[in-house]
């Protein structure tokens, strides 16, 4: 249900709006700049709501929040479907509300909390699957909304999606739970009796003891660690570098100082890099084998190497597509791997609050990236210089991950105190 809600919530994402805004503009006469006001405002407000969404997800669980989110976004889309040509505010207000709610409650924080709560042994791979829901859902929404817009209207398309989200709220409410303990289970579907037996084997030093119990940090405890702030810095640097590079990539590919591709060729290269976000699943598998921190070091190093290849080796359509494959494989997974590392370091009890606390920083970085890249290009008049600066920020993110070693447990953590955990019935060590 978390993946379905993420896919549905992506109907108001930046990527989808960037594709279908041409239909809206042609039909209404609104400029792209006016439509962008709604997109930008919704994105920034969603970042401000992320800490609240994380706190509420830890306290009340994803069931209520996902259901309410689906209903609110669905109703907003129905309002948009009834928009009149001369009523720009009737479009902007519901879109901003839908965008503000969908990102933290349907796409980002809340579904991640559900995944972390219900899985531990398979946590990395399930986080990767959850992370794939947004790009896959966005791609599907683009096709469906575009098809309906061509045959009927963009208003009808939003109306159909709104009805779908309202219908999806029913199974979401019936199926989702706060924690597996609410249905008499433990993470990964384990039975309490089996978990007790595994714990006894582990205590006796016998094989087959399974995973050690997991300690859950509070958000305040996590924020006192160097690892938390290193991960926060990594998110900021990596998002600015990725967003800035993505914003000027197509202009560089068609420029005389770049390979000089035709516009359709350059757009195809940029689109391929986005599609390869599906390789997140590969990195989820690798994170189980190598650990998310090592995988982050590999992906950031690969992204820097890909960027260097862009500056020095891309001079044709073929080499541009080779770059797109490398860039898409390495650069699109940093955020998902960061969520895996947060869960590994700080546990599941306050994962929502910890992840949500990074939301304002991440959203600010997402807005700063394109502005930083474009203004730096205006000042330097040199694409290689801009890409070099952005790649240096990627390298800085890699250095911070190198420093983000597992923190020591806080003073309240003891091996014998069941109440020290902060998660439901899960005393532990990291």
Protein backbone atom coordinates (compact mmCIF):
# COMPACT_ATOMS: atom_id res chain seq x y z
CA UNK A 1 0.00 0.00 0.00
CA UNK A 2 2.92 2.33 0.68
CA UNK A 3 4.19 1.86 -2.88
CA UNK A 4 0.72 2.44 -4.35
CA UNK A 5 0.25 5.61 -2.32
CA UNK A 6 3.68 6.85 -3.43
CA UNK A 7 2.81 6.15 -7.06
CA UNK A 8 -0.49 7.98 -6.67
CA UNK A 9 1.10 10.90 -4.86
CA UNK A 10 3.60 11.34 -7.68
CA UNK A 11 0.73 12.63 -9.85
CA UNK A 12 1.48 16.11 -8.44
CA UNK A 13 5.27 15.77 -8.48
CA UNK A 14 7.60 18.21 -10.22
CA UNK A 15 8.52 15.67 -12.89
CA UNK A 16 4.89 15.03 -13.87
CA UNK A 17 3.99 18.73 -13.87
CA UNK A 18 7.10 19.53 -15.91
CA UNK A 19 5.78 17.23 -18.64
CA UNK A 20 2.06 18.07 -18.68
CA UNK A 21 2.28 21.81 -18.01
CA UNK A 22 2.32 22.40 -21.77
CA UNK A 23 -1.27 21.06 -22.00
CA UNK A 24 -2.37 23.33 -19.16
CA UNK A 25 -0.66 26.38 -20.64
CA UNK A 26 -2.06 25.83 -24.14
CA UNK A 27 -5.60 25.36 -22.84
CA UNK A 28 -5.72 28.18 -20.29
CA UNK A 29 -3.23 30.72 -21.59
CA UNK A 30 -1.40 30.72 -18.26
CA UNK A 31 2.34 31.20 -18.58
CA UNK A 32 4.79 28.53 -17.49
CA UNK A 33 6.11 30.97 -14.88
CA UNK A 34 2.69 31.23 -13.22
CA UNK A 35 2.30 27.47 -13.10
CA UNK A 36 5.81 27.23 -11.61
CA UNK A 37 4.64 29.34 -8.65
CA UNK A 38 2.39 26.49 -7.53
CA UNK A 39 5.11 23.87 -8.03
CA UNK A 40 7.76 25.83 -6.12
CA UNK A 41 5.47 26.83 -3.26
CA UNK A 42 4.20 23.28 -2.81
CA UNK A 43 7.72 21.85 -2.80
CA UNK A 44 9.01 24.26 -0.17
CA UNK A 45 5.97 23.85 2.09
CA UNK A 46 6.30 20.06 1.86
CA UNK A 47 9.82 20.38 3.27
CA UNK A 48 8.54 22.41 6.20
CA UNK A 49 5.88 19.76 6.88
CA UNK A 50 8.38 16.88 6.82
CA UNK A 51 9.33 17.10 10.55
CA UNK A 52 5.64 17.13 11.51
CA UNK A 53 4.94 14.18 9.22
CA UNK A 54 7.83 12.24 10.74
CA UNK A 55 6.73 12.92 14.32
CA UNK A 56 3.13 11.95 13.54
CA UNK A 57 4.21 8.80 11.68
CA UNK A 58 6.17 7.64 14.74
CA UNK A 59 3.31 8.45 17.08
CA UNK A 60 0.23 7.43 15.09
CA UNK A 61 1.63 5.21 12.35
CA UNK A 62 1.25 5.37 8.57
CA UNK A 63 -2.33 4.06 8.45
CA UNK A 64 -4.13 7.26 9.43
CA UNK A 65 -1.65 9.61 7.75
CA UNK A 66 -1.67 7.75 4.42
CA UNK A 67 -5.47 7.57 4.39
CA UNK A 68 -5.87 11.27 5.18
CA UNK A 69 -3.18 12.14 2.64
CA UNK A 70 -4.93 10.20 -0.12
CA UNK A 71 -8.26 11.84 0.68
CA UNK A 72 -6.82 15.37 0.79
CA UNK A 73 -4.81 15.00 -2.43
CA UNK A 74 -7.72 13.28 -4.17
CA UNK A 75 -10.12 16.07 -3.24
CA UNK A 76 -7.60 18.70 -4.37
CA UNK A 77 -7.30 17.03 -7.77
CA UNK A 78 -11.09 17.00 -8.11
CA UNK A 79 -11.12 20.74 -7.39
CA UNK A 80 -8.40 21.24 -10.02
CA UNK A 81 -10.47 19.26 -12.52
CA UNK A 82 -13.25 21.84 -12.11
CA UNK A 83 -10.90 24.80 -12.68
CA UNK A 84 -12.13 27.55 -15.02
CA UNK A 85 -9.78 29.09 -17.57
CA UNK A 86 -9.72 32.46 -15.81
CA UNK A 87 -9.38 31.10 -12.28
CA UNK A 88 -5.65 30.74 -11.72
CA UNK A 89 -6.03 30.80 -7.94
CA UNK A 90 -8.51 27.91 -8.15
CA UNK A 91 -5.66 25.93 -9.68
CA UNK A 92 -2.76 27.20 -7.56
CA UNK A 93 -4.36 26.79 -4.12
CA UNK A 94 -5.44 23.13 -4.42
CA UNK A 95 -2.24 22.21 -6.26
CA UNK A 96 -0.07 23.74 -3.53
CA UNK A 97 -2.07 21.87 -0.88
CA UNK A 98 -1.83 18.60 -2.82
CA UNK A 99 1.90 19.00 -3.44
CA UNK A 100 2.56 19.98 0.18
CA UNK A 101 0.74 16.91 1.52
CA UNK A 102 1.76 14.33 -1.07
CA UNK A 103 5.52 14.63 -0.69
CA UNK A 104 5.87 13.96 3.07
CA UNK A 105 2.70 11.90 3.63
CA UNK A 106 2.47 9.78 0.46
CA UNK A 107 5.93 9.75 -1.16
CA UNK A 108 8.66 10.45 1.38
CA UNK A 109 8.61 10.21 5.16
CA UNK A 110 5.47 8.20 5.95
CA UNK A 111 5.98 5.28 3.51
CA UNK A 112 9.62 5.03 4.63
CA UNK A 113 8.49 4.78 8.25
CA UNK A 114 6.12 1.97 7.32
CA UNK A 115 8.93 0.12 5.54
CA UNK A 116 11.41 0.52 8.40
CA UNK A 117 8.83 -0.53 11.00
CA UNK A 118 7.87 -3.75 9.22
CA UNK A 119 11.27 -4.93 7.97
CA UNK A 120 14.73 -5.40 9.36
CA UNK A 121 16.42 -8.38 7.71
CA UNK A 122 14.98 -7.25 4.36
CA UNK A 123 14.95 -3.55 5.22
CA UNK A 124 17.44 -2.31 2.63
CA UNK A 125 15.81 -4.06 -0.31
CA UNK A 126 12.32 -2.95 0.75
CA UNK A 127 13.48 0.66 1.17
CA UNK A 128 14.86 0.40 -2.36
CA UNK A 129 11.52 -0.93 -3.65
CA UNK A 130 9.72 1.88 -1.84
CA UNK A 131 12.13 4.37 -3.40
CA UNK A 132 11.32 3.05 -6.87
CA UNK A 133 7.62 3.76 -6.43
CA UNK A 134 7.99 7.49 -7.07
CA UNK A 135 9.90 7.37 -10.40
CA UNK A 136 7.85 4.41 -11.64
CA UNK A 137 4.61 6.04 -10.54
CA UNK A 138 5.70 9.33 -12.07
CA UNK A 139 6.43 7.67 -15.41
CA UNK A 140 3.04 5.93 -15.38
CA UNK A 141 1.23 9.13 -14.39
CA UNK A 142 2.91 11.04 -17.20
CA UNK A 143 1.67 8.53 -19.76
CA UNK A 144 -1.87 8.27 -18.35
CA UNK A 145 -2.39 12.00 -17.80
CA UNK A 146 -0.90 12.86 -21.21
CA UNK A 147 -3.09 10.28 -22.96
CA UNK A 148 -6.28 11.52 -21.30
CA UNK A 149 -5.26 15.15 -21.89
CA UNK A 150 -4.87 14.46 -25.61
CA UNK A 151 -8.17 12.61 -25.95
CA UNK A 152 -10.29 14.57 -23.44
CA UNK A 153 -8.62 17.30 -21.36
CA UNK A 154 -6.04 17.78 -18.65
CA UNK A 155 -8.90 18.57 -16.25
CA UNK A 156 -10.50 15.19 -16.91
CA UNK A 157 -7.13 13.52 -16.34
CA UNK A 158 -6.75 15.09 -12.91
CA UNK A 159 -10.34 14.19 -12.12
CA UNK A 160 -9.76 10.51 -12.87
CA UNK A 161 -6.58 10.46 -10.79
CA UNK A 162 -8.43 12.17 -7.93
CA UNK A 163 -11.15 9.52 -7.95
CA UNK A 164 -8.50 6.78 -7.99
CA UNK A 165 -6.78 8.25 -4.93
CA UNK A 166 -10.07 8.48 -3.04
CA UNK A 167 -10.81 4.84 -3.83
CA UNK A 168 -7.26 3.85 -2.82
CA UNK A 169 -7.83 5.40 0.62
CA UNK A 170 -10.23 2.57 1.53
CA UNK A 171 -7.79 -0.38 1.22
CA UNK A 172 -5.03 1.79 2.71
CA UNK A 173 -7.09 2.30 5.86
CA UNK A 174 -8.04 -1.37 6.05
CA UNK A 175 -4.61 -2.86 5.35
CA UNK A 176 -2.02 -0.58 6.93
CA UNK A 177 -0.91 -0.73 10.57
CA UNK A 178 1.48 1.26 12.75
CA UNK A 179 3.82 -1.62 13.63
CA UNK A 180 3.84 -5.40 13.06
CA UNK A 181 3.35 -5.85 16.80
CA UNK A 182 -0.22 -4.56 16.38
CA UNK A 183 -1.08 -7.71 14.41
CA UNK A 184 0.87 -10.08 16.66
CA UNK A 185 4.04 -10.19 14.60
CA UNK A 186 7.58 -8.83 14.58
CA UNK A 187 9.55 -7.23 11.70
CA UNK A 188 10.02 -9.46 8.62
CA UNK A 189 6.88 -11.40 9.56
CA UNK A 190 8.57 -13.21 12.45
CA UNK A 191 6.43 -14.71 15.21
CA UNK A 192 7.17 -13.62 18.80
CA UNK A 193 7.65 -17.25 19.90
CA UNK A 194 10.27 -17.81 17.22
CA UNK A 195 11.99 -14.53 18.06
CA UNK A 196 12.20 -15.58 21.71
CA UNK A 197 13.77 -18.88 20.73
CA UNK A 198 16.27 -17.10 18.47
CA UNK A 199 17.18 -14.72 21.30
CA UNK A 200 17.85 -17.66 23.63
CA UNK A 201 20.10 -19.30 21.03
CA UNK A 202 21.99 -16.04 20.59
CA UNK A 203 22.39 -15.67 24.36
CA UNK A 204 23.76 -19.21 24.57
CA UNK A 205 26.15 -18.56 21.69
CA UNK A 206 24.47 -21.19 19.51
CA UNK A 207 23.98 -20.73 15.75
CA UNK A 208 20.61 -19.78 14.30
CA UNK A 209 20.11 -16.90 16.70
CA UNK A 210 19.06 -14.50 13.94
CA UNK A 211 19.61 -10.76 14.16
CA UNK A 212 20.57 -9.05 17.38
CA UNK A 213 17.85 -6.89 18.96
CA UNK A 214 17.77 -3.33 17.61
CA UNK A 215 18.19 -0.23 19.75
CA UNK A 216 16.10 2.80 18.78
CA UNK A 217 17.46 6.30 19.29
CA UNK A 218 15.28 9.32 19.95
CA UNK A 219 15.52 12.20 17.48
CA UNK A 220 17.20 14.37 20.11
CA UNK A 221 19.83 11.73 20.79
CA UNK A 222 20.50 11.26 17.09
CA UNK A 223 20.97 15.00 16.57
CA UNK A 224 23.76 14.99 19.15
CA UNK A 225 25.90 12.63 17.08
CA UNK A 226 28.48 13.45 14.43
CA UNK A 227 27.00 10.79 12.16
CA UNK A 228 23.64 12.62 11.97
CA UNK A 229 25.20 15.92 10.94
CA UNK A 230 27.53 14.22 8.47
CA UNK A 231 24.49 12.60 6.86
CA UNK A 232 22.67 15.94 6.86
CA UNK A 233 25.64 17.59 5.14
CA UNK A 234 25.83 14.74 2.65
CA UNK A 235 22.17 15.24 1.76
CA UNK A 236 22.61 18.98 1.23
CA UNK A 237 25.76 18.73 -0.90
CA UNK A 238 24.53 15.78 -2.96
CA UNK A 239 21.10 17.32 -3.65
CA UNK A 240 22.57 20.68 -4.69
CA UNK A 241 25.09 18.93 -6.95
CA UNK A 242 22.50 16.60 -8.48
CA UNK A 243 19.78 19.24 -8.94
CA UNK A 244 22.22 21.80 -10.30
CA UNK A 245 23.76 19.34 -12.74
CA UNK A 246 20.38 18.11 -13.92
CA UNK A 247 19.16 21.65 -14.50
CA UNK A 248 22.00 22.66 -16.85
CA UNK A 249 22.68 19.24 -18.41
CA UNK A 250 20.45 19.57 -21.49
CA UNK A 251 21.58 23.18 -22.22
CA UNK A 252 25.19 21.99 -22.02
CA UNK A 253 24.60 19.06 -24.36
CA UNK A 254 23.13 21.34 -27.05
CA UNK A 255 25.64 24.18 -26.57
CA UNK A 256 28.63 24.89 -28.80
CA UNK A 257 30.95 24.41 -25.82
CA UNK A 258 29.46 20.95 -25.28
CA UNK A 259 28.90 18.10 -27.73
CA UNK A 260 26.39 20.18 -29.72
CA UNK A 261 23.55 17.65 -29.80
CA UNK A 262 20.15 18.37 -31.29
CA UNK A 263 17.39 19.20 -28.79
CA UNK A 264 15.56 15.83 -29.10
CA UNK A 265 18.85 13.97 -28.63
CA UNK A 266 19.75 15.98 -25.52
CA UNK A 267 16.28 15.47 -24.02
CA UNK A 268 16.59 11.73 -24.67
CA UNK A 269 19.91 11.64 -22.83
CA UNK A 270 18.42 13.47 -19.84
CA UNK A 271 15.37 11.20 -19.78
CA UNK A 272 17.50 8.05 -19.83
CA UNK A 273 19.33 9.18 -16.71
CA UNK A 274 15.99 9.56 -14.91
CA UNK A 275 14.72 6.15 -16.04
CA UNK A 276 17.84 4.50 -14.64
CA UNK A 277 16.66 5.48 -11.16
CA UNK A 278 15.14 2.00 -11.32
CA UNK A 279 18.63 0.64 -10.59
CA UNK A 280 17.91 1.61 -6.98
CA UNK A 281 16.81 -2.00 -6.56
CA UNK A 282 20.32 -3.17 -7.43
CA UNK A 283 21.78 -0.91 -4.77
CA UNK A 284 19.27 -2.20 -2.24
CA UNK A 285 20.60 -5.70 -2.85
CA UNK A 286 24.20 -4.47 -2.68
CA UNK A 287 23.49 -2.64 0.58
CA UNK A 288 22.54 -5.97 2.16
CA UNK A 289 25.92 -7.37 1.10
CA UNK A 290 28.26 -4.40 1.62
CA UNK A 291 26.30 -2.09 3.91
CA UNK A 292 24.66 1.22 2.89
CA UNK A 293 27.66 3.36 3.91
CA UNK A 294 30.05 1.56 1.57
CA UNK A 295 27.47 1.68 -1.19
CA UNK A 296 27.11 5.44 -0.71
CA UNK A 297 30.87 5.86 -1.05
CA UNK A 298 30.79 3.81 -4.26
CA UNK A 299 27.84 5.70 -5.76
CA UNK A 300 29.25 9.14 -4.96
CA UNK A 301 32.65 8.17 -6.36
CA UNK A 302 30.93 6.84 -9.48
CA UNK A 303 28.89 10.04 -9.85
CA UNK A 304 32.04 12.18 -9.65
CA UNK A 305 33.79 9.97 -12.21
CA UNK A 306 30.73 10.18 -14.49
CA UNK A 307 30.76 13.98 -14.23
CA UNK A 308 34.44 14.11 -15.14
CA UNK A 309 33.66 11.95 -18.17
CA UNK A 310 30.90 14.40 -19.13
CA UNK A 311 33.35 17.31 -19.17
CA UNK A 312 36.26 15.55 -20.83
CA UNK A 313 34.91 12.67 -22.91
CA UNK A 314 31.36 13.37 -24.12
CA UNK A 315 31.59 14.57 -27.72
CA UNK A 316 28.90 12.60 -29.58
CA UNK A 317 25.46 11.07 -29.17
CA UNK A 318 26.98 7.69 -28.30
CA UNK A 319 29.25 9.04 -25.56
CA UNK A 320 26.38 11.16 -24.24
CA UNK A 321 24.24 8.05 -23.80
CA UNK A 322 27.15 6.25 -22.13
CA UNK A 323 27.35 9.15 -19.69
CA UNK A 324 23.58 8.98 -19.09
CA UNK A 325 23.82 5.29 -18.19
CA UNK A 326 26.70 5.88 -15.77
CA UNK A 327 25.15 9.01 -14.25
CA UNK A 328 21.75 7.41 -13.80
CA UNK A 329 23.25 4.29 -12.24
CA UNK A 330 25.34 6.15 -9.67
CA UNK A 331 23.67 9.48 -8.92
CA UNK A 332 20.01 8.55 -8.39
CA UNK A 333 20.42 6.34 -5.32
CA UNK A 334 22.16 8.55 -2.75
CA UNK A 335 18.92 9.56 -1.00
CA UNK A 336 17.60 6.01 -0.72
CA UNK A 337 20.92 4.72 0.60
CA UNK A 338 20.94 7.54 3.14
CA UNK A 339 17.57 6.36 4.47
CA UNK A 340 18.99 2.84 4.82
CA UNK A 341 21.93 4.21 6.79
CA UNK A 342 19.69 6.29 9.07
CA UNK A 343 17.68 3.17 9.90
CA UNK A 344 20.83 1.12 10.48
CA UNK A 345 22.36 3.71 12.81
CA UNK A 346 19.31 4.94 14.72
CA UNK A 347 16.71 2.15 14.58
CA UNK A 348 12.98 2.31 13.94
CA UNK A 349 11.46 3.82 17.09
CA UNK A 350 11.94 7.47 16.02
CA UNK A 351 12.92 6.95 12.39
CA UNK A 352 10.15 9.24 11.15
CA UNK A 353 11.19 12.14 13.37
CA UNK A 354 14.86 11.67 12.49
CA UNK A 355 14.22 11.46 8.75
CA UNK A 356 11.66 14.26 8.86
CA UNK A 357 14.11 16.58 10.63
CA UNK A 358 16.24 16.50 7.48
CA UNK A 359 13.29 17.53 5.28
CA UNK A 360 13.73 21.34 5.48
CA UNK A 361 17.44 21.03 4.67
CA UNK A 362 16.79 18.70 1.74
CA UNK A 363 14.00 20.83 0.29
CA UNK A 364 16.09 23.98 0.62
CA UNK A 365 18.94 22.25 -1.18
CA UNK A 366 16.55 21.09 -3.91
CA UNK A 367 15.52 24.69 -4.51
CA UNK A 368 19.05 26.07 -4.26
CA UNK A 369 20.57 23.57 -6.73
CA UNK A 370 19.08 24.91 -9.99
CA UNK A 371 19.53 28.53 -8.87
CA UNK A 372 23.14 27.93 -7.86
CA UNK A 373 23.98 26.18 -11.13
CA UNK A 374 22.28 28.78 -13.34
CA UNK A 375 23.71 31.82 -11.54
CA UNK A 376 27.19 30.31 -11.48
CA UNK A 377 26.91 29.74 -15.23
CA UNK A 378 25.80 33.34 -15.74
CA UNK A 379 28.79 34.56 -13.72
CA UNK A 380 31.49 32.30 -15.19
CA UNK A 381 30.12 31.71 -18.73
CA UNK A 382 31.75 28.28 -18.55
CA UNK A 383 29.95 24.95 -18.31
CA UNK A 384 33.13 23.05 -17.32
CA UNK A 385 33.69 25.41 -14.39
CA UNK A 386 30.10 24.97 -13.19
CA UNK A 387 30.25 21.18 -13.44
CA UNK A 388 33.63 21.17 -11.68
CA UNK A 389 32.19 23.13 -8.74
CA UNK A 390 29.15 20.85 -8.54
CA UNK A 391 31.33 17.72 -8.70
CA UNK A 392 33.46 19.16 -5.90
CA UNK A 393 30.28 19.35 -3.83
CA UNK A 394 29.63 15.69 -4.63
CA UNK A 395 33.16 14.91 -3.47
CA UNK A 396 32.49 16.83 -0.24
CA UNK A 397 29.41 14.67 0.28
CA UNK A 398 31.62 11.60 -0.10
CA UNK A 399 34.05 12.90 2.51
CA UNK A 400 31.20 13.43 4.97
CA UNK A 401 29.96 9.87 4.42
CA UNK A 402 33.49 8.63 5.06
CA UNK A 403 33.36 10.45 8.42
CA UNK A 404 29.82 9.23 9.22
CA UNK A 405 30.80 6.15 11.19
CA UNK A 406 28.32 4.36 13.42
CA UNK A 407 27.80 6.39 16.62
CA UNK A 408 28.18 5.03 20.11
CA UNK A 409 24.94 4.21 21.87
CA UNK A 410 23.55 6.92 24.16
CA UNK A 411 23.95 6.56 27.94
CA UNK A 412 20.42 5.22 28.47
CA UNK A 413 21.17 2.14 26.36
CA UNK A 414 21.73 -0.95 28.47
CA UNK A 415 21.83 -4.60 27.60
CA UNK A 416 19.30 -5.56 30.25
CA UNK A 417 16.74 -2.72 30.30
CA UNK A 418 13.81 -3.51 27.99
CA UNK A 419 12.50 0.04 28.35
CA UNK A 420 15.68 1.58 26.99
CA UNK A 421 14.77 0.85 23.45
CA UNK A 422 12.16 3.46 22.57
CA UNK A 423 10.69 1.04 20.01
CA UNK A 424 7.87 -1.31 20.79
CA UNK A 425 9.34 -4.26 22.64
CA UNK A 426 12.71 -4.14 20.92
CA UNK A 427 15.62 -3.59 23.33
CA UNK A 428 18.91 -3.76 21.56
CA UNK A 429 22.25 -2.64 20.40
CA UNK A 430 23.11 -1.16 17.02
